[in-house]
């Protein structure tokens, strides 16, 4: 589908940064927000189905990715700036509100948009990463306290330049490892491992000899080409700024998301086990006061909208139509 969509790519000026987006359809605004390490293209299966249901669909490359702006400053990637981008996109399309749908870090951007700009967000859906409220301590400190002497992938990204170097040596191979390891049911490393934090995430992962059937060679080539342009610095900075976000966003302590909400996750998603002994979906119930559904999809891992595109497209279209 990527050739069909390529001509629809355009640049959107937003919040002091230019964002590249795939814009399709007419009607109420739906913004699709990707996670790490992806881009607008991770929504390639959902864009046309949502547009055909009567929505204007804007699938973004968030700041730091693809042909969107990607300065080096870590603070540039703060959650407040990310939410500012979403509000600015809503303004750019002269809309009063939008439905926001996010995956992975994009889910967090969507959840926080609903919290910080409630009058601009009509409804919110998250994929893979549930909303569990403000952490009891700065997140990076929390991960250190939980994993101590074990390897945890987010902590391995914190030294500027190190992870960028690892991933840039073989961009296509790095993406294949990540997509392969977190697809559910894989022998690849989970989000954590019995290794020190000095280890490289990629070194802990199995090589991928054959791509999964949901990831054709041309799709991986396209995504690798985007990272060849942007590099990985912006994506890793999103992890590095988490403690600053925690300090800057004290206002969300105890707040609930009161807009209509929706959650979709693959049954084999390793994110669900990120906090040992905690049922994150159960915790999420405290914060979503108008949840319209939680769907756990068999046979999928972290890349749920790519692994089960038809099912996810139908679920999201139904949710949007109900709003």
C-alpha atoms as a PDB file:
ATOM      1  CA  UNK A   1       0.000   0.000   0.000  1.00  0.00           C
ATOM      2  CA  UNK A   2       2.906   2.383   0.514  1.00  0.00           C
ATOM      3  CA  UNK A   3       3.157   3.426  -3.158  1.00  0.00           C
ATOM      4  CA  UNK A   4      -0.545   4.255  -3.121  1.00  0.00           C
ATOM      5  CA  UNK A   5      -0.151   6.451  -0.036  1.00  0.00           C
ATOM      6  CA  UNK A   6       3.198   8.052  -0.810  1.00  0.00           C
ATOM      7  CA  UNK A   7       1.786  10.878  -2.920  1.00  0.00           C
ATOM      8  CA  UNK A   8      -0.460  11.937  -0.035  1.00  0.00           C
ATOM      9  CA  UNK A   9       2.427  12.842   2.256  1.00  0.00           C
ATOM     10  CA  UNK A  10       2.578  16.500   3.223  1.00  0.00           C
ATOM     11  CA  UNK A  11       4.219  18.750   5.802  1.00  0.00           C
ATOM     12  CA  UNK A  12       2.240  20.265   8.665  1.00  0.00           C
ATOM     13  CA  UNK A  13       3.588  23.295  10.542  1.00  0.00           C
ATOM     14  CA  UNK A  14       2.958  22.725  14.235  1.00  0.00           C
ATOM     15  CA  UNK A  15       4.195  24.110  17.535  1.00  0.00           C
ATOM     16  CA  UNK A  16       7.506  25.426  16.210  1.00  0.00           C
ATOM     17  CA  UNK A  17       8.353  22.262  14.303  1.00  0.00           C
ATOM     18  CA  UNK A  18       7.410  20.953  10.874  1.00  0.00           C
ATOM     19  CA  UNK A  19       5.783  17.532  10.963  1.00  0.00           C
ATOM     20  CA  UNK A  20       5.473  15.165   8.037  1.00  0.00           C
ATOM     21  CA  UNK A  21       2.087  13.464   7.809  1.00  0.00           C
ATOM     22  CA  UNK A  22      -0.039  11.268   5.608  1.00  0.00           C
ATOM     23  CA  UNK A  23      -3.355  13.116   5.238  1.00  0.00           C
ATOM     24  CA  UNK A  24      -6.352  11.332   3.736  1.00  0.00           C
ATOM     25  CA  UNK A  25     -10.128  11.716   3.688  1.00  0.00           C
ATOM     26  CA  UNK A  26     -12.670  14.306   4.787  1.00  0.00           C
ATOM     27  CA  UNK A  27     -14.775  14.644   7.897  1.00  0.00           C
ATOM     28  CA  UNK A  28     -14.103  14.723  11.643  1.00  0.00           C
ATOM     29  CA  UNK A  29     -10.387  14.719  12.443  1.00  0.00           C
ATOM     30  CA  UNK A  30      -8.616  11.531  13.543  1.00  0.00           C
ATOM     31  CA  UNK A  31      -4.915  11.762  14.428  1.00  0.00           C
ATOM     32  CA  UNK A  32      -2.797   8.606  14.422  1.00  0.00           C
ATOM     33  CA  UNK A  33       0.360   8.726  16.569  1.00  0.00           C
ATOM     34  CA  UNK A  34       3.081   6.101  16.216  1.00  0.00           C
ATOM     35  CA  UNK A  35       5.556   4.772  18.747  1.00  0.00           C
ATOM     36  CA  UNK A  36       9.166   3.604  18.812  1.00  0.00           C
ATOM     37  CA  UNK A  37      10.835   2.680  16.524  1.00  0.00           C
ATOM     38  CA  UNK A  38       8.252   3.372  13.834  1.00  0.00           C
ATOM     39  CA  UNK A  39       6.691   6.227  11.869  1.00  0.00           C
ATOM     40  CA  UNK A  40       3.458   7.226  10.177  1.00  0.00           C
ATOM     41  CA  UNK A  41       3.836   4.113   8.033  1.00  0.00           C
ATOM     42  CA  UNK A  42       3.026   1.796  10.943  1.00  0.00           C
ATOM     43  CA  UNK A  43      -0.608   2.915  10.422  1.00  0.00           C
ATOM     44  CA  UNK A  44      -0.614   2.047   6.707  1.00  0.00           C
ATOM     45  CA  UNK A  45      -3.379  -0.559   7.158  1.00  0.00           C
ATOM     46  CA  UNK A  46      -5.685   1.726   9.165  1.00  0.00           C
ATOM     47  CA  UNK A  47      -5.487   4.991   7.205  1.00  0.00           C
ATOM     48  CA  UNK A  48      -7.721   4.143   4.256  1.00  0.00           C
ATOM     49  CA  UNK A  49     -10.330   2.163   6.264  1.00  0.00           C
ATOM     50  CA  UNK A  50     -10.799   5.082   8.660  1.00  0.00           C
ATOM     51  CA  UNK A  51     -10.960   7.584   5.802  1.00  0.00           C
ATOM     52  CA  UNK A  52     -13.589   5.465   4.053  1.00  0.00           C
ATOM     53  CA  UNK A  53     -15.697   5.666   7.219  1.00  0.00           C
ATOM     54  CA  UNK A  54     -15.918   9.442   6.769  1.00  0.00           C
ATOM     55  CA  UNK A  55     -12.944  10.825   8.691  1.00  0.00           C
ATOM     56  CA  UNK A  56     -10.026  13.088   7.848  1.00  0.00           C
ATOM     57  CA  UNK A  57      -7.091  10.941   8.920  1.00  0.00           C
ATOM     58  CA  UNK A  58      -3.711  12.468   9.782  1.00  0.00           C
ATOM     59  CA  UNK A  59      -0.987   9.897  10.451  1.00  0.00           C
ATOM     60  CA  UNK A  60       2.051  11.746  11.796  1.00  0.00           C
ATOM     61  CA  UNK A  61       5.754  11.277  11.909  1.00  0.00           C
ATOM     62  CA  UNK A  62       6.136  12.641  15.440  1.00  0.00           C
ATOM     63  CA  UNK A  63       9.005  15.037  16.117  1.00  0.00           C
ATOM     64  CA  UNK A  64      12.309  13.216  15.871  1.00  0.00           C
ATOM     65  CA  UNK A  65      11.199  10.785  13.156  1.00  0.00           C
ATOM     66  CA  UNK A  66      11.283  10.582   9.378  1.00  0.00           C
ATOM     67  CA  UNK A  67      11.072  13.978   7.690  1.00  0.00           C
ATOM     68  CA  UNK A  68       9.637  15.728  10.737  1.00  0.00           C
ATOM     69  CA  UNK A  69      11.900  18.112  12.655  1.00  0.00           C
ATOM     70  CA  UNK A  70      14.559  16.449  14.815  1.00  0.00           C
ATOM     71  CA  UNK A  71      16.849  18.791  16.801  1.00  0.00           C
ATOM     72  CA  UNK A  72      19.307  17.271  19.281  1.00  0.00           C
ATOM     73  CA  UNK A  73      18.054  18.992  22.454  1.00  0.00           C
ATOM     74  CA  UNK A  74      16.583  16.365  24.801  1.00  0.00           C
ATOM     75  CA  UNK A  75      14.002  18.799  26.206  1.00  0.00           C
ATOM     76  CA  UNK A  76      12.629  19.234  22.682  1.00  0.00           C
ATOM     77  CA  UNK A  77      11.058  15.789  23.095  1.00  0.00           C
ATOM     78  CA  UNK A  78       9.207  16.460  26.348  1.00  0.00           C
ATOM     79  CA  UNK A  79       5.655  15.202  26.678  1.00  0.00           C
ATOM     80  CA  UNK A  80       4.377  18.763  26.943  1.00  0.00           C
ATOM     81  CA  UNK A  81       5.936  19.514  23.559  1.00  0.00           C
ATOM     82  CA  UNK A  82       4.495  16.326  22.097  1.00  0.00           C
ATOM     83  CA  UNK A  83       1.012  17.273  23.279  1.00  0.00           C
ATOM     84  CA  UNK A  84       1.572  20.780  21.939  1.00  0.00           C
ATOM     85  CA  UNK A  85       2.186  19.243  18.528  1.00  0.00           C
ATOM     86  CA  UNK A  86      -1.140  17.413  18.643  1.00  0.00           C
ATOM     87  CA  UNK A  87      -3.029  20.578  19.598  1.00  0.00           C
ATOM     88  CA  UNK A  88      -1.244  22.497  16.843  1.00  0.00           C
ATOM     89  CA  UNK A  89      -2.220  19.865  14.276  1.00  0.00           C
ATOM     90  CA  UNK A  90      -5.845  20.206  15.373  1.00  0.00           C
ATOM     91  CA  UNK A  91      -5.523  23.972  14.874  1.00  0.00           C
ATOM     92  CA  UNK A  92      -3.863  23.517  11.471  1.00  0.00           C
ATOM     93  CA  UNK A  93      -6.895  21.637  10.200  1.00  0.00           C
ATOM     94  CA  UNK A  94      -9.281  24.216  11.692  1.00  0.00           C
ATOM     95  CA  UNK A  95     -10.916  21.636  13.916  1.00  0.00           C
ATOM     96  CA  UNK A  96     -12.339  22.234  17.365  1.00  0.00           C
ATOM     97  CA  UNK A  97     -11.479  18.711  18.474  1.00  0.00           C
ATOM     98  CA  UNK A  98      -9.949  15.460  17.272  1.00  0.00           C
ATOM     99  CA  UNK A  99     -10.059  11.790  18.082  1.00  0.00           C
ATOM    100  CA  UNK A 100      -6.503  10.750  18.911  1.00  0.00           C
ATOM    101  CA  UNK A 101      -5.244   7.188  18.557  1.00  0.00           C
ATOM    102  CA  UNK A 102      -1.746   6.193  19.587  1.00  0.00           C
ATOM    103  CA  UNK A 103       0.466   3.121  19.735  1.00  0.00           C
ATOM    104  CA  UNK A 104       3.391   2.566  22.136  1.00  0.00           C
ATOM    105  CA  UNK A 105       4.829   6.038  22.935  1.00  0.00           C
ATOM    106  CA  UNK A 106       2.076   7.344  20.688  1.00  0.00           C
ATOM    107  CA  UNK A 107      -0.443   5.893  23.141  1.00  0.00           C
ATOM    108  CA  UNK A 108       1.155   7.893  25.937  1.00  0.00           C
ATOM    109  CA  UNK A 109       1.047  11.029  23.780  1.00  0.00           C
ATOM    110  CA  UNK A 110      -2.644  10.350  23.137  1.00  0.00           C
ATOM    111  CA  UNK A 111      -3.415   9.725  26.832  1.00  0.00           C
ATOM    112  CA  UNK A 112      -1.540  12.865  27.888  1.00  0.00           C
ATOM    113  CA  UNK A 113      -3.247  14.919  25.178  1.00  0.00           C
ATOM    114  CA  UNK A 114      -6.574  13.924  26.685  1.00  0.00           C
ATOM    115  CA  UNK A 115      -5.336  15.001  30.135  1.00  0.00           C
ATOM    116  CA  UNK A 116      -3.555  18.235  29.250  1.00  0.00           C
ATOM    117  CA  UNK A 117      -5.872  19.499  26.494  1.00  0.00           C
ATOM    118  CA  UNK A 118      -9.236  17.944  27.410  1.00  0.00           C
ATOM    119  CA  UNK A 119     -11.299  20.480  25.489  1.00  0.00           C
ATOM    120  CA  UNK A 120      -9.471  19.629  22.244  1.00  0.00           C
ATOM    121  CA  UNK A 121      -9.647  15.839  22.465  1.00  0.00           C
ATOM    122  CA  UNK A 122     -13.042  14.335  21.663  1.00  0.00           C
ATOM    123  CA  UNK A 123     -11.992  10.752  22.365  1.00  0.00           C
ATOM    124  CA  UNK A 124      -8.824   8.730  22.832  1.00  0.00           C
ATOM    125  CA  UNK A 125      -7.683   5.225  21.992  1.00  0.00           C
ATOM    126  CA  UNK A 126      -4.452   3.582  23.035  1.00  0.00           C
ATOM    127  CA  UNK A 127      -2.768   0.532  21.562  1.00  0.00           C
ATOM    128  CA  UNK A 128      -0.295  -1.641  23.503  1.00  0.00           C
ATOM    129  CA  UNK A 129       0.487   0.799  26.338  1.00  0.00           C
ATOM    130  CA  UNK A 130      -2.256   1.260  28.956  1.00  0.00           C
ATOM    131  CA  UNK A 131      -2.593   4.446  30.974  1.00  0.00           C
ATOM    132  CA  UNK A 132      -1.696   3.778  34.599  1.00  0.00           C
ATOM    133  CA  UNK A 133      -1.472   7.308  35.980  1.00  0.00           C
ATOM    134  CA  UNK A 134       1.504   9.292  37.174  1.00  0.00           C
ATOM    135  CA  UNK A 135       4.283   7.035  38.419  1.00  0.00           C
ATOM    136  CA  UNK A 136       4.977   7.023  42.188  1.00  0.00           C
ATOM    137  CA  UNK A 137       8.484   8.328  41.461  1.00  0.00           C
ATOM    138  CA  UNK A 138      10.400   9.559  38.395  1.00  0.00           C
ATOM    139  CA  UNK A 139      10.045   6.723  35.860  1.00  0.00           C
ATOM    140  CA  UNK A 140      13.734   6.125  35.198  1.00  0.00           C
ATOM    141  CA  UNK A 141      14.297   5.871  38.962  1.00  0.00           C
ATOM    142  CA  UNK A 142      11.369   3.467  39.156  1.00  0.00           C
ATOM    143  CA  UNK A 143      12.869   1.209  36.479  1.00  0.00           C
ATOM    144  CA  UNK A 144      16.197   1.229  38.291  1.00  0.00           C
ATOM    145  CA  UNK A 145      14.498   0.236  41.538  1.00  0.00           C
ATOM    146  CA  UNK A 146      12.542  -2.569  39.877  1.00  0.00           C
ATOM    147  CA  UNK A 147      15.307  -4.092  37.752  1.00  0.00           C
ATOM    148  CA  UNK A 148      18.360  -3.235  39.853  1.00  0.00           C
ATOM    149  CA  UNK A 149      21.185  -5.377  38.460  1.00  0.00           C
ATOM    150  CA  UNK A 150      19.126  -6.722  35.525  1.00  0.00           C
ATOM    151  CA  UNK A 151      18.982  -5.388  32.001  1.00  0.00           C
ATOM    152  CA  UNK A 152      15.977  -3.223  31.111  1.00  0.00           C
ATOM    153  CA  UNK A 153      15.782  -1.872  27.588  1.00  0.00           C
ATOM    154  CA  UNK A 154      14.830   1.735  28.466  1.00  0.00           C
ATOM    155  CA  UNK A 155      17.802   2.158  30.794  1.00  0.00           C
ATOM    156  CA  UNK A 156      20.126   0.965  28.030  1.00  0.00           C
ATOM    157  CA  UNK A 157      19.099   3.986  25.917  1.00  0.00           C
ATOM    158  CA  UNK A 158      20.089   6.721  28.368  1.00  0.00           C
ATOM    159  CA  UNK A 159      23.708   7.406  27.405  1.00  0.00           C
ATOM    160  CA  UNK A 160      23.535   9.854  24.465  1.00  0.00           C
ATOM    161  CA  UNK A 161      25.130   8.457  21.344  1.00  0.00           C
ATOM    162  CA  UNK A 162      25.618   4.888  22.481  1.00  0.00           C
ATOM    163  CA  UNK A 163      22.277   3.400  21.412  1.00  0.00           C
ATOM    164  CA  UNK A 164      22.269   5.616  18.315  1.00  0.00           C
ATOM    165  CA  UNK A 165      25.576   4.091  17.272  1.00  0.00           C
ATOM    166  CA  UNK A 166      24.355   0.533  17.863  1.00  0.00           C
ATOM    167  CA  UNK A 167      21.183   0.980  15.839  1.00  0.00           C
ATOM    168  CA  UNK A 168      22.793   2.943  13.006  1.00  0.00           C
ATOM    169  CA  UNK A 169      25.376   0.273  12.144  1.00  0.00           C
ATOM    170  CA  UNK A 170      22.686  -1.800  10.416  1.00  0.00           C
ATOM    171  CA  UNK A 171      19.385   0.053  10.443  1.00  0.00           C
ATOM    172  CA  UNK A 172      17.402  -2.564   8.580  1.00  0.00           C
ATOM    173  CA  UNK A 173      18.802  -5.393  10.683  1.00  0.00           C
ATOM    174  CA  UNK A 174      18.129  -3.497  13.919  1.00  0.00           C
ATOM    175  CA  UNK A 175      14.501  -2.894  12.997  1.00  0.00           C
ATOM    176  CA  UNK A 176      14.059  -6.521  11.951  1.00  0.00           C
ATOM    177  CA  UNK A 177      15.332  -7.643  15.362  1.00  0.00           C
ATOM    178  CA  UNK A 178      13.041  -5.285  17.276  1.00  0.00           C
ATOM    179  CA  UNK A 179       9.942  -6.112  15.229  1.00  0.00           C
ATOM    180  CA  UNK A 180      10.737  -9.815  15.384  1.00  0.00           C
ATOM    181  CA  UNK A 181      11.495 -10.019  19.106  1.00  0.00           C
ATOM    182  CA  UNK A 182       8.365  -8.213  20.324  1.00  0.00           C
ATOM    183  CA  UNK A 183       5.856  -9.808  17.995  1.00  0.00           C
ATOM    184  CA  UNK A 184       4.679 -12.249  20.677  1.00  0.00           C
ATOM    185  CA  UNK A 185       5.710 -15.880  20.983  1.00  0.00           C
ATOM    186  CA  UNK A 186       9.246 -15.086  19.863  1.00  0.00           C
ATOM    187  CA  UNK A 187      12.469 -16.443  21.290  1.00  0.00           C
ATOM    188  CA  UNK A 188      13.894 -12.934  21.120  1.00  0.00           C
ATOM    189  CA  UNK A 189      14.718 -11.030  24.293  1.00  0.00           C
ATOM    190  CA  UNK A 190      11.851  -9.514  26.243  1.00  0.00           C
ATOM    191  CA  UNK A 191      11.894  -5.959  27.581  1.00  0.00           C
ATOM    192  CA  UNK A 192      14.204  -7.149  30.331  1.00  0.00           C
ATOM    193  CA  UNK A 193      16.863  -9.874  30.622  1.00  0.00           C
ATOM    194  CA  UNK A 194      19.390 -11.515  32.938  1.00  0.00           C
ATOM    195  CA  UNK A 195      22.175  -9.219  31.791  1.00  0.00           C
ATOM    196  CA  UNK A 196      23.820  -6.042  33.002  1.00  0.00           C
ATOM    197  CA  UNK A 197      22.796  -2.567  31.878  1.00  0.00           C
ATOM    198  CA  UNK A 198      26.086  -2.391  29.998  1.00  0.00           C
ATOM    199  CA  UNK A 199      24.680  -4.870  27.494  1.00  0.00           C
ATOM    200  CA  UNK A 200      23.390  -3.818  24.092  1.00  0.00           C
ATOM    201  CA  UNK A 201      19.734  -4.528  23.414  1.00  0.00           C
ATOM    202  CA  UNK A 202      20.515  -5.622  19.880  1.00  0.00           C
ATOM    203  CA  UNK A 203      23.254  -8.000  21.033  1.00  0.00           C
ATOM    204  CA  UNK A 204      20.735  -9.713  23.315  1.00  0.00           C
ATOM    205  CA  UNK A 205      18.317 -10.320  20.446  1.00  0.00           C
ATOM    206  CA  UNK A 206      18.249 -13.203  17.992  1.00  0.00           C
ATOM    207  CA  UNK A 207      19.011 -12.524  14.357  1.00  0.00           C
ATOM    208  CA  UNK A 208      15.930 -12.656  12.143  1.00  0.00           C
ATOM    209  CA  UNK A 209      16.453 -15.019   9.219  1.00  0.00           C
ATOM    210  CA  UNK A 210      12.890 -14.821   7.905  1.00  0.00           C
ATOM    211  CA  UNK A 211      10.599 -11.845   8.326  1.00  0.00           C
ATOM    212  CA  UNK A 212       7.140 -12.509   9.775  1.00  0.00           C
ATOM    213  CA  UNK A 213       4.362 -12.692   7.202  1.00  0.00           C
ATOM    214  CA  UNK A 214       2.879  -9.376   8.384  1.00  0.00           C
ATOM    215  CA  UNK A 215       6.114  -7.540   7.551  1.00  0.00           C
ATOM    216  CA  UNK A 216       6.946  -7.805   3.837  1.00  0.00           C
ATOM    217  CA  UNK A 217      10.452  -6.930   2.696  1.00  0.00           C
ATOM    218  CA  UNK A 218       9.291  -3.723   1.010  1.00  0.00           C
ATOM    219  CA  UNK A 219       7.621  -2.482   4.194  1.00  0.00           C
ATOM    220  CA  UNK A 220      10.780  -3.032   6.235  1.00  0.00           C
ATOM    221  CA  UNK A 221      12.788  -1.318   3.481  1.00  0.00           C
ATOM    222  CA  UNK A 222      10.524   1.726   3.634  1.00  0.00           C
ATOM    223  CA  UNK A 223      10.780   2.078   7.411  1.00  0.00           C
ATOM    224  CA  UNK A 224      14.546   1.580   7.337  1.00  0.00           C
ATOM    225  CA  UNK A 225      14.835   4.329   4.720  1.00  0.00           C
ATOM    226  CA  UNK A 226      13.039   6.747   7.043  1.00  0.00           C
ATOM    227  CA  UNK A 227      15.510   6.093   9.872  1.00  0.00           C
ATOM    228  CA  UNK A 228      18.378   6.505   7.428  1.00  0.00           C
ATOM    229  CA  UNK A 229      17.172  10.116   7.112  1.00  0.00           C
ATOM    230  CA  UNK A 230      16.299  10.945  10.736  1.00  0.00           C
ATOM    231  CA  UNK A 231      18.561   8.612  12.651  1.00  0.00           C
ATOM    232  CA  UNK A 232      17.433   7.338  16.061  1.00  0.00           C
ATOM    233  CA  UNK A 233      18.385  10.287  18.276  1.00  0.00           C
ATOM    234  CA  UNK A 234      14.907  11.788  18.570  1.00  0.00           C
ATOM    235  CA  UNK A 235      13.330   8.478  19.462  1.00  0.00           C
ATOM    236  CA  UNK A 236      15.879   7.753  22.189  1.00  0.00           C
ATOM    237  CA  UNK A 237      15.507  11.275  23.599  1.00  0.00           C
ATOM    238  CA  UNK A 238      11.851  10.502  24.287  1.00  0.00           C
ATOM    239  CA  UNK A 239      13.091   7.885  26.790  1.00  0.00           C
ATOM    240  CA  UNK A 240      15.743  10.211  28.224  1.00  0.00           C
ATOM    241  CA  UNK A 241      13.298  12.992  29.084  1.00  0.00           C
ATOM    242  CA  UNK A 242      10.957  10.889  31.224  1.00  0.00           C
ATOM    243  CA  UNK A 243      12.159  12.148  34.604  1.00  0.00           C
ATOM    244  CA  UNK A 244      11.820  15.765  33.485  1.00  0.00           C
ATOM    245  CA  UNK A 245       8.271  15.008  32.343  1.00  0.00           C
ATOM    246  CA  UNK A 246       7.477  13.575  35.759  1.00  0.00           C
ATOM    247  CA  UNK A 247       8.634  16.794  37.441  1.00  0.00           C
ATOM    248  CA  UNK A 248       6.966  19.100  34.919  1.00  0.00           C
ATOM    249  CA  UNK A 249       3.595  17.344  34.862  1.00  0.00           C
ATOM    250  CA  UNK A 250       2.746  17.148  38.537  1.00  0.00           C
ATOM    251  CA  UNK A 251      -0.642  18.608  37.605  1.00  0.00           C
ATOM    252  CA  UNK A 252      -1.860  15.237  36.296  1.00  0.00           C
ATOM    253  CA  UNK A 253      -1.456  13.529  39.683  1.00  0.00           C
ATOM    254  CA  UNK A 254      -4.663  11.601  40.354  1.00  0.00           C
ATOM    255  CA  UNK A 255      -6.416  12.931  37.233  1.00  0.00           C
ATOM    256  CA  UNK A 256      -8.709  10.683  35.237  1.00  0.00           C
ATOM    257  CA  UNK A 257      -9.315  10.577  31.494  1.00  0.00           C
ATOM    258  CA  UNK A 258     -12.983  11.397  31.130  1.00  0.00           C
ATOM    259  CA  UNK A 259     -13.384  11.399  27.351  1.00  0.00           C
ATOM    260  CA  UNK A 260     -14.649   8.237  25.655  1.00  0.00           C
ATOM    261  CA  UNK A 261     -11.677   5.878  25.578  1.00  0.00           C
ATOM    262  CA  UNK A 262     -10.668   2.547  24.098  1.00  0.00           C
ATOM    263  CA  UNK A 263      -7.768   0.132  24.484  1.00  0.00           C
ATOM    264  CA  UNK A 264      -6.363  -2.568  22.202  1.00  0.00           C
ATOM    265  CA  UNK A 265      -3.414  -4.826  22.954  1.00  0.00           C
ATOM    266  CA  UNK A 266      -1.894  -8.026  21.621  1.00  0.00           C
ATOM    267  CA  UNK A 267      -2.140 -10.937  24.025  1.00  0.00           C
ATOM    268  CA  UNK A 268       1.602 -11.546  23.656  1.00  0.00           C
ATOM    269  CA  UNK A 269       2.651  -7.928  24.140  1.00  0.00           C
ATOM    270  CA  UNK A 270       5.662  -7.800  26.509  1.00  0.00           C
ATOM    271  CA  UNK A 271       4.560  -4.357  27.745  1.00  0.00           C
ATOM    272  CA  UNK A 272       1.862  -6.065  29.805  1.00  0.00           C
ATOM    273  CA  UNK A 273       4.617  -7.640  31.916  1.00  0.00           C
ATOM    274  CA  UNK A 274       6.726  -4.491  32.187  1.00  0.00           C
ATOM    275  CA  UNK A 275       5.948  -4.023  35.886  1.00  0.00           C
ATOM    276  CA  UNK A 276       6.299  -7.480  37.479  1.00  0.00           C
ATOM    277  CA  UNK A 277       3.287  -8.529  39.516  1.00  0.00           C
ATOM    278  CA  UNK A 278       1.094  -5.638  38.357  1.00  0.00           C
ATOM    279  CA  UNK A 279      -1.955  -6.072  36.121  1.00  0.00           C
ATOM    280  CA  UNK A 280      -1.635  -2.874  34.120  1.00  0.00           C
ATOM    281  CA  UNK A 281      -4.999  -3.265  32.414  1.00  0.00           C
ATOM    282  CA  UNK A 282      -6.675  -3.577  35.814  1.00  0.00           C
ATOM    283  CA  UNK A 283      -4.859  -0.456  37.040  1.00  0.00           C
ATOM    284  CA  UNK A 284      -5.976   1.415  33.922  1.00  0.00           C
ATOM    285  CA  UNK A 285      -9.622   0.968  34.938  1.00  0.00           C
ATOM    286  CA  UNK A 286      -9.101   3.523  37.720  1.00  0.00           C
ATOM    287  CA  UNK A 287      -8.208   6.228  35.217  1.00  0.00           C
ATOM    288  CA  UNK A 288     -10.543   5.713  32.244  1.00  0.00           C
ATOM    289  CA  UNK A 289     -13.972   6.854  33.429  1.00  0.00           C
ATOM    290  CA  UNK A 290     -15.720   6.316  30.068  1.00  0.00           C
ATOM    291  CA  UNK A 291     -13.939   3.280  28.659  1.00  0.00           C
ATOM    292  CA  UNK A 292     -15.827   1.880  25.674  1.00  0.00           C
ATOM    293  CA  UNK A 293     -13.873  -1.362  25.503  1.00  0.00           C
ATOM    294  CA  UNK A 294     -10.675  -3.290  26.111  1.00  0.00           C
ATOM    295  CA  UNK A 295      -9.738  -5.744  23.389  1.00  0.00           C
ATOM    296  CA  UNK A 296      -6.960  -8.288  23.860  1.00  0.00           C
ATOM    297  CA  UNK A 297      -6.103  -9.797  20.492  1.00  0.00           C
ATOM    298  CA  UNK A 298      -4.858 -13.371  20.237  1.00  0.00           C
ATOM    299  CA  UNK A 299      -1.892 -14.068  18.001  1.00  0.00           C
ATOM    300  CA  UNK A 300      -0.419 -10.582  18.301  1.00  0.00           C
ATOM    301  CA  UNK A 301       2.424  -9.024  20.232  1.00  0.00           C
ATOM    302  CA  UNK A 302       3.509  -5.414  20.428  1.00  0.00           C
ATOM    303  CA  UNK A 303       2.950  -4.477  16.765  1.00  0.00           C
ATOM    304  CA  UNK A 304      -0.758  -5.205  16.960  1.00  0.00           C
ATOM    305  CA  UNK A 305      -2.043  -2.859  14.235  1.00  0.00           C
ATOM    306  CA  UNK A 306       0.430  -4.372  11.781  1.00  0.00           C
ATOM    307  CA  UNK A 307       0.039  -7.975  12.911  1.00  0.00           C
ATOM    308  CA  UNK A 308      -3.766  -7.944  12.954  1.00  0.00           C
ATOM    309  CA  UNK A 309      -4.566  -5.054  10.595  1.00  0.00           C
ATOM    310  CA  UNK A 310      -8.127  -5.956   9.622  1.00  0.00           C
ATOM    311  CA  UNK A 311      -9.271  -6.625  13.182  1.00  0.00           C
ATOM    312  CA  UNK A 312      -7.647  -3.462  14.538  1.00  0.00           C
ATOM    313  CA  UNK A 313      -9.011  -1.333  11.690  1.00  0.00           C
ATOM    314  CA  UNK A 314     -12.526  -2.586  12.331  1.00  0.00           C
ATOM    315  CA  UNK A 315     -12.278  -1.979  16.075  1.00  0.00           C
ATOM    316  CA  UNK A 316     -10.947   1.561  15.653  1.00  0.00           C
ATOM    317  CA  UNK A 317     -13.501   2.425  12.958  1.00  0.00           C
ATOM    318  CA  UNK A 318     -16.327   1.232  15.207  1.00  0.00           C
ATOM    319  CA  UNK A 319     -15.003   3.258  18.137  1.00  0.00           C
ATOM    320  CA  UNK A 320     -14.675   6.404  16.017  1.00  0.00           C
ATOM    321  CA  UNK A 321     -18.159   5.986  14.564  1.00  0.00           C
ATOM    322  CA  UNK A 322     -19.636   5.780  18.062  1.00  0.00           C
ATOM    323  CA  UNK A 323     -18.210   9.143  19.105  1.00  0.00           C
END
